Amino acid sequence: MPVRAAIVHTPLGPPHDVVVADLLGRSPDAVREALVGVPTSWPLRYALETTEPGGGERAYTLMNEMLQDAAAQEIVDRGRTGGGDLPTEWSQCAVKRADDTDASAVDDVYTSLLEFRQGRLAAIWLGSLPKGAVLAGNLQVDDGAGFPSDAGLTALPATARVTVACSRHTAEAAPPRKAPAAGYNWPQALALLPLAPALPFKNGGRFAAKRDGGTLYDLLAPGSTPPADLIVSAERRRLVQKQPTPAPNLALLRINLGAYPGHNFTAPDDYGLVGLRSGRVAWRLREPGGW
């Protein structure tokens, strides 16, 4: 992976404040445009999607993932396996509470959870999204009707203001590095040497799972009823593991979403969890690493 000597930051516009009330009721694209300050075509990746017991859908995305383009997300994803050439240009935004300079508040807003109901912003939640396994247990029991308040998250007041500053970043390549010096961790390098012959096979599996597991995850949209042979076929290809559930009408699928090929042999793949109720997809969530 190339080393970067310098990163040039070019603002997309001046920092600006946005009132939460002005975002409520807007579509995801309209919310992002209001936050960024300019129209974008950045992808939207939901961390969690659910159906509601009475009908309708809810979807949740992380603020930091919403305010970055595909290249910035690729840098994050590749960082987990430490492989491949990183994009040299990317865009992302910094966001914080305009009325609170406390560092913890800044972090809370940057990693906050945006809740969309029927495709419109309903709330911005402060706090940490529970780990996939913990959240899955809650969703199995009550379809997530009490989420996110029962997970300890608190809603950002409609009167709150957030300050957003967005930039385009360009990385310049550094001169080639010299050979490792005496401080290099040779014992660790030698310990991992026996794994080197297996790394191409490992990376091939990562790539295949990223492609095929991602396709399967996209097919298992909330509200859909997947054919049984689709799941059986995925199990045979080791893309899916069935997890235990508290009731016979519930099913929990753990899907291998793979990862970018890299030189880190032990880095875990990403995965998705999909909950089915009486054969119908009730919810699905993504979680980086952990497979």
Protein backbone atom coordinates (compact mmCIF):
# COMPACT_ATOMS: atom_id res chain seq x y z
CA MET A 1 0.00 0.00 0.00
CA PRO A 2 1.57 3.32 -1.02
CA VAL A 3 2.61 5.85 1.61
CA ARG A 4 1.19 9.36 1.31
CA ALA A 5 3.42 12.39 1.73
CA ALA A 6 0.71 15.03 1.92
CA ILE A 7 -3.03 15.47 1.60
CA VAL A 8 -4.46 18.61 0.03
CA HIS A 9 -7.85 19.67 1.42
CA THR A 10 -10.20 21.69 -0.79
CA PRO A 11 -13.43 22.89 0.90
CA LEU A 12 -16.64 22.07 -0.96
CA GLY A 13 -18.07 25.23 0.56
CA PRO A 14 -17.94 27.26 3.77
CA PRO A 15 -18.86 25.58 7.08
CA HIS A 16 -22.54 26.06 7.78
CA ASP A 17 -25.13 25.34 10.46
CA VAL A 18 -28.21 23.18 9.95
CA VAL A 19 -31.17 22.98 12.34
CA VAL A 20 -32.40 19.42 12.93
CA ALA A 21 -36.03 20.51 12.50
CA ASP A 22 -35.24 21.60 8.94
CA LEU A 23 -34.09 18.06 8.12
CA LEU A 24 -37.07 16.16 9.54
CA GLY A 25 -39.49 14.87 6.92
CA ARG A 26 -36.95 14.99 4.11
CA SER A 27 -35.75 12.13 1.89
CA PRO A 28 -32.20 10.74 2.37
CA ASP A 29 -30.90 12.61 -0.68
CA ALA A 30 -32.48 15.87 0.47
CA VAL A 31 -31.09 15.43 4.01
CA ARG A 32 -27.58 14.87 2.68
CA GLU A 33 -27.80 17.82 0.29
CA ALA A 34 -28.85 20.07 3.17
CA LEU A 35 -25.97 18.81 5.32
CA VAL A 36 -23.28 18.88 2.62
CA GLY A 37 -24.48 22.17 1.15
CA VAL A 38 -24.19 21.01 -2.47
CA PRO A 39 -25.91 18.24 -4.49
CA THR A 40 -24.04 14.92 -4.42
CA SER A 41 -24.34 11.47 -5.96
CA TRP A 42 -22.69 9.73 -3.02
CA PRO A 43 -23.98 6.20 -2.30
CA LEU A 44 -26.21 5.54 0.68
CA ARG A 45 -25.52 2.43 2.76
CA TYR A 46 -27.97 1.49 5.49
CA ALA A 47 -26.65 -0.12 8.67
CA LEU A 48 -30.08 -1.52 9.58
CA GLU A 49 -33.41 -1.94 7.77
CA THR A 50 -36.59 -3.27 9.35
CA THR A 51 -40.27 -3.80 8.65
CA GLU A 52 -42.77 -2.58 11.22
CA PRO A 53 -45.37 -4.90 12.79
CA GLY A 54 -48.20 -2.75 11.46
CA GLY A 55 -46.64 -2.31 8.02
CA GLY A 56 -44.16 0.15 6.63
CA GLU A 57 -40.39 0.24 6.73
CA ARG A 58 -37.64 1.86 8.76
CA ALA A 59 -34.03 2.33 7.71
CA TYR A 60 -31.03 3.59 9.66
CA THR A 61 -27.74 4.97 8.39
CA LEU A 62 -24.71 6.29 10.26
CA MET A 63 -24.04 10.02 9.94
CA ASN A 64 -20.34 9.51 9.16
CA GLU A 65 -21.16 7.03 6.37
CA MET A 66 -23.82 9.30 4.90
CA LEU A 67 -21.38 12.22 4.71
CA GLN A 68 -18.69 10.54 2.60
CA ASP A 69 -18.38 9.45 -1.01
CA ALA A 70 -17.70 5.95 -2.32
CA ALA A 71 -13.93 6.51 -2.39
CA ALA A 72 -13.87 7.50 1.30
CA GLN A 73 -15.87 4.39 2.17
CA GLU A 74 -13.46 2.25 0.15
CA ILE A 75 -10.52 3.66 2.13
CA VAL A 76 -12.25 2.61 5.37
CA ASP A 77 -13.10 -0.85 4.03
CA ARG A 78 -9.62 -1.48 2.61
CA GLY A 79 -8.06 -0.35 5.87
CA ARG A 80 -9.44 -3.43 7.63
CA THR A 81 -7.44 -5.84 5.46
CA GLY A 82 -4.59 -3.49 4.57
CA GLY A 83 -4.53 -4.19 0.88
CA GLY A 84 -4.67 -2.66 -2.56
CA ASP A 85 -4.11 0.82 -3.88
CA LEU A 86 -6.17 3.40 -2.03
CA PRO A 87 -8.13 6.07 -3.89
CA THR A 88 -6.15 9.27 -4.24
CA GLU A 89 -9.21 11.55 -4.16
CA TRP A 90 -12.20 11.40 -1.85
CA SER A 91 -14.77 13.65 -0.22
CA GLN A 92 -16.17 13.64 3.30
CA CYS A 93 -17.58 15.97 5.91
CA ALA A 94 -16.94 16.77 9.55
CA VAL A 95 -20.00 17.44 11.70
CA LYS A 96 -20.46 18.56 15.31
CA ARG A 97 -23.00 20.17 17.60
CA ALA A 98 -22.99 23.90 16.94
CA ASP A 99 -24.14 24.62 20.50
CA ASP A 100 -21.73 22.28 22.32
CA THR A 101 -17.93 22.27 22.06
CA ASP A 102 -17.48 19.22 24.28
CA ALA A 103 -15.43 16.56 22.47
CA SER A 104 -17.80 13.73 23.42
CA ALA A 105 -20.71 15.61 21.87
CA VAL A 106 -18.75 16.03 18.66
CA ASP A 107 -18.15 12.28 18.50
CA ASP A 108 -21.80 11.52 19.27
CA VAL A 109 -23.07 13.56 16.34
CA TYR A 110 -20.46 12.23 13.91
CA THR A 111 -21.47 8.64 14.68
CA SER A 112 -25.16 9.34 15.22
CA LEU A 113 -27.88 7.24 13.63
CA LEU A 114 -30.36 8.75 11.17
CA GLU A 115 -33.76 7.07 11.20
CA PHE A 116 -35.90 7.12 8.06
CA ARG A 117 -39.54 6.00 8.19
CA GLN A 118 -41.25 5.48 4.85
CA GLY A 119 -38.26 7.18 3.21
CA ARG A 120 -38.42 10.35 5.35
CA LEU A 121 -36.15 11.42 8.21
CA ALA A 122 -37.94 10.81 11.52
CA ALA A 123 -35.12 11.34 14.04
CA ILE A 124 -31.37 11.57 14.62
CA TRP A 125 -30.26 9.33 17.48
CA LEU A 126 -27.17 9.87 19.64
CA GLY A 127 -25.28 6.89 21.01
CA SER A 128 -23.63 3.76 19.69
CA LEU A 129 -25.41 1.28 17.47
CA PRO A 130 -25.39 -2.05 19.37
CA LYS A 131 -23.20 -4.83 18.06
CA GLY A 132 -24.91 -6.99 15.46
CA ALA A 133 -25.39 -10.03 17.70
CA VAL A 134 -26.88 -7.92 20.52
CA LEU A 135 -29.17 -6.01 18.20
CA ALA A 136 -30.24 -9.21 16.45
CA GLY A 137 -31.41 -10.67 19.77
CA ASN A 138 -33.65 -7.67 20.36
CA LEU A 139 -35.05 -7.76 16.82
CA GLN A 140 -35.83 -11.48 17.06
CA VAL A 141 -37.96 -11.01 20.15
CA ASP A 142 -40.09 -7.97 19.30
CA ASP A 143 -39.42 -7.09 15.64
CA GLY A 144 -37.49 -4.07 16.83
CA ALA A 145 -40.64 -2.13 17.79
CA GLY A 146 -38.83 -0.50 20.71
CA PHE A 147 -35.60 0.28 18.86
CA PRO A 148 -33.68 2.58 19.12
CA SER A 149 -34.85 4.01 22.46
CA ASP A 150 -34.65 0.63 24.20
CA ALA A 151 -31.00 0.37 23.06
CA GLY A 152 -30.05 3.40 25.14
CA LEU A 153 -29.98 5.90 22.27
CA THR A 154 -31.44 9.39 22.74
CA ALA A 155 -32.95 11.60 20.04
CA LEU A 156 -31.19 14.82 19.08
CA PRO A 157 -33.65 17.66 19.84
CA ALA A 158 -35.36 19.23 16.83
CA THR A 159 -34.06 22.61 18.00
CA ALA A 160 -30.42 21.48 17.95
CA ARG A 161 -28.04 22.91 15.37
CA VAL A 162 -25.14 21.03 13.81
CA THR A 163 -22.13 22.56 12.06
CA VAL A 164 -20.97 20.81 8.89
CA ALA A 165 -17.72 21.33 6.98
CA CYS A 166 -17.09 19.28 3.82
CA SER A 167 -13.89 18.94 1.79
CA ARG A 168 -12.41 17.24 -1.22
CA HIS A 169 -9.15 15.52 -0.31
CA THR A 170 -6.31 14.74 -2.72
CA ALA A 171 -3.38 12.56 -1.63
CA GLU A 172 0.10 12.92 -3.06
CA ALA A 173 2.34 9.85 -3.17
CA ALA A 174 5.45 9.83 -0.99
CA PRO A 175 8.92 8.78 -2.17
CA PRO A 176 9.59 5.02 -1.86
CA ARG A 177 10.42 3.87 1.64
CA LYS A 178 13.81 2.44 2.54
CA ALA A 179 14.25 -1.13 3.75
CA PRO A 180 12.98 -1.80 7.30
CA ALA A 181 15.39 -0.65 9.97
CA ALA A 182 16.34 -2.28 13.25
CA GLY A 183 13.07 -1.19 14.85
CA TYR A 184 11.02 -3.29 12.44
CA ASN A 185 8.96 -6.01 14.12
CA TRP A 186 10.85 -8.95 12.68
CA PRO A 187 9.50 -11.56 15.17
CA GLN A 188 5.94 -10.78 14.15
CA ALA A 189 6.83 -10.83 10.46
CA LEU A 190 8.56 -14.21 10.82
CA ALA A 191 5.65 -15.62 12.82
CA LEU A 192 3.26 -14.77 9.97
CA LEU A 193 5.57 -16.07 7.26
CA PRO A 194 4.04 -19.61 7.22
CA LEU A 195 0.68 -18.04 6.32
CA ALA A 196 2.06 -16.33 3.22
CA PRO A 197 1.41 -19.23 0.79
CA ALA A 198 -2.26 -19.31 1.88
CA LEU A 199 -2.82 -15.57 1.45
CA PRO A 200 -3.80 -15.69 -2.27
CA PHE A 201 -6.42 -18.33 -1.46
CA LYS A 202 -7.66 -16.23 1.48
CA ASN A 203 -7.93 -13.13 -0.70
CA GLY A 204 -9.73 -15.08 -3.43
CA GLY A 205 -12.32 -16.14 -0.86
CA ARG A 206 -12.70 -12.56 0.37
CA PHE A 207 -13.31 -11.29 -3.15
CA ALA A 208 -15.83 -14.03 -3.99
CA ALA A 209 -17.75 -13.49 -0.75
CA LYS A 210 -17.80 -9.71 -1.27
CA ARG A 211 -19.32 -10.25 -4.71
CA ASP A 212 -21.68 -13.17 -4.06
CA GLY A 213 -22.53 -12.45 -0.42
CA GLY A 214 -23.26 -8.83 -1.31
CA THR A 215 -25.59 -9.94 -4.10
CA LEU A 216 -27.42 -12.30 -1.74
CA TYR A 217 -27.75 -9.60 0.93
CA ASP A 218 -29.25 -7.21 -1.61
CA LEU A 219 -31.83 -9.84 -2.61
CA LEU A 220 -32.96 -10.36 0.99
CA ALA A 221 -34.73 -7.01 1.31
CA PRO A 222 -37.12 -6.46 4.23
CA GLY A 223 -40.62 -7.61 3.28
CA SER A 224 -39.40 -10.11 0.68
CA THR A 225 -39.97 -13.88 0.83
CA PRO A 226 -36.83 -15.63 -0.46
CA PRO A 227 -37.20 -19.09 -2.03
CA ALA A 228 -35.89 -21.90 0.16
CA ASP A 229 -33.51 -23.17 -2.52
CA LEU A 230 -31.74 -19.78 -2.56
CA ILE A 231 -30.76 -20.19 1.10
CA VAL A 232 -29.84 -23.87 0.69
CA SER A 233 -27.57 -23.01 -2.24
CA ALA A 234 -25.89 -20.22 -0.28
CA GLU A 235 -25.30 -22.59 2.66
CA ARG A 236 -23.59 -25.09 0.37
CA ARG A 237 -21.30 -22.35 -0.88
CA ARG A 238 -20.55 -21.33 2.73
CA LEU A 239 -21.96 -17.87 2.23
CA VAL A 240 -24.61 -18.39 4.91
CA GLN A 241 -24.69 -19.80 8.41
CA LYS A 242 -28.00 -20.44 10.15
CA GLN A 243 -28.03 -19.21 13.75
CA PRO A 244 -30.19 -20.53 16.63
CA THR A 245 -33.48 -18.72 17.29
CA PRO A 246 -35.93 -18.71 20.24
CA ALA A 247 -38.97 -19.82 18.18
CA PRO A 248 -39.58 -22.20 15.25
CA ASN A 249 -41.14 -19.50 13.06
CA LEU A 250 -37.99 -17.37 13.33
CA ALA A 251 -34.83 -17.77 11.27
CA LEU A 252 -31.54 -15.92 11.57
CA LEU A 253 -29.05 -15.95 8.70
CA ARG A 254 -25.45 -14.80 8.99
CA ILE A 255 -24.10 -13.84 5.56
CA ASN A 256 -20.43 -13.54 4.68
CA LEU A 257 -20.01 -10.19 2.88
CA GLY A 258 -16.29 -10.70 2.27
CA ALA A 259 -13.71 -7.93 2.18
CA TYR A 260 -11.15 -6.30 -0.07
CA PRO A 261 -8.08 -8.49 -0.70
CA GLY A 262 -5.12 -7.46 1.43
CA HIS A 263 -1.95 -8.52 3.21
CA ASN A 264 -3.60 -8.88 6.65
CA PHE A 265 -4.35 -12.60 6.82
CA THR A 266 -6.20 -12.51 10.14
CA ALA A 267 -8.52 -9.54 9.43
CA PRO A 268 -12.16 -10.75 9.62
CA ASP A 269 -14.57 -10.39 6.73
CA ASP A 270 -17.64 -8.18 6.93
CA TYR A 271 -20.97 -9.84 7.52
CA GLY A 272 -24.68 -9.26 7.44
CA LEU A 273 -27.47 -10.59 9.64
CA VAL A 274 -30.92 -11.24 8.21
CA GLY A 275 -33.94 -12.08 10.36
CA LEU A 276 -36.91 -13.94 8.90
CA ARG A 277 -40.32 -14.37 10.49
CA SER A 278 -42.50 -17.13 9.01
CA GLY A 279 -40.32 -17.14 5.89
CA ARG A 280 -40.51 -13.39 5.31
CA VAL A 281 -37.54 -11.04 5.81
CA ALA A 282 -38.31 -8.85 8.84
CA TRP A 283 -34.98 -7.01 9.07
CA ARG A 284 -31.37 -7.00 7.96
CA LEU A 285 -28.19 -5.33 9.21
CA ARG A 286 -24.57 -4.93 8.17
CA GLU A 287 -21.55 -5.06 10.43
CA PRO A 288 -17.90 -4.55 9.47
CA GLY A 289 -15.63 -7.41 10.49
CA GLY A 290 -16.50 -10.32 12.74
CA TRP A 291 -17.04 -13.14 10.24
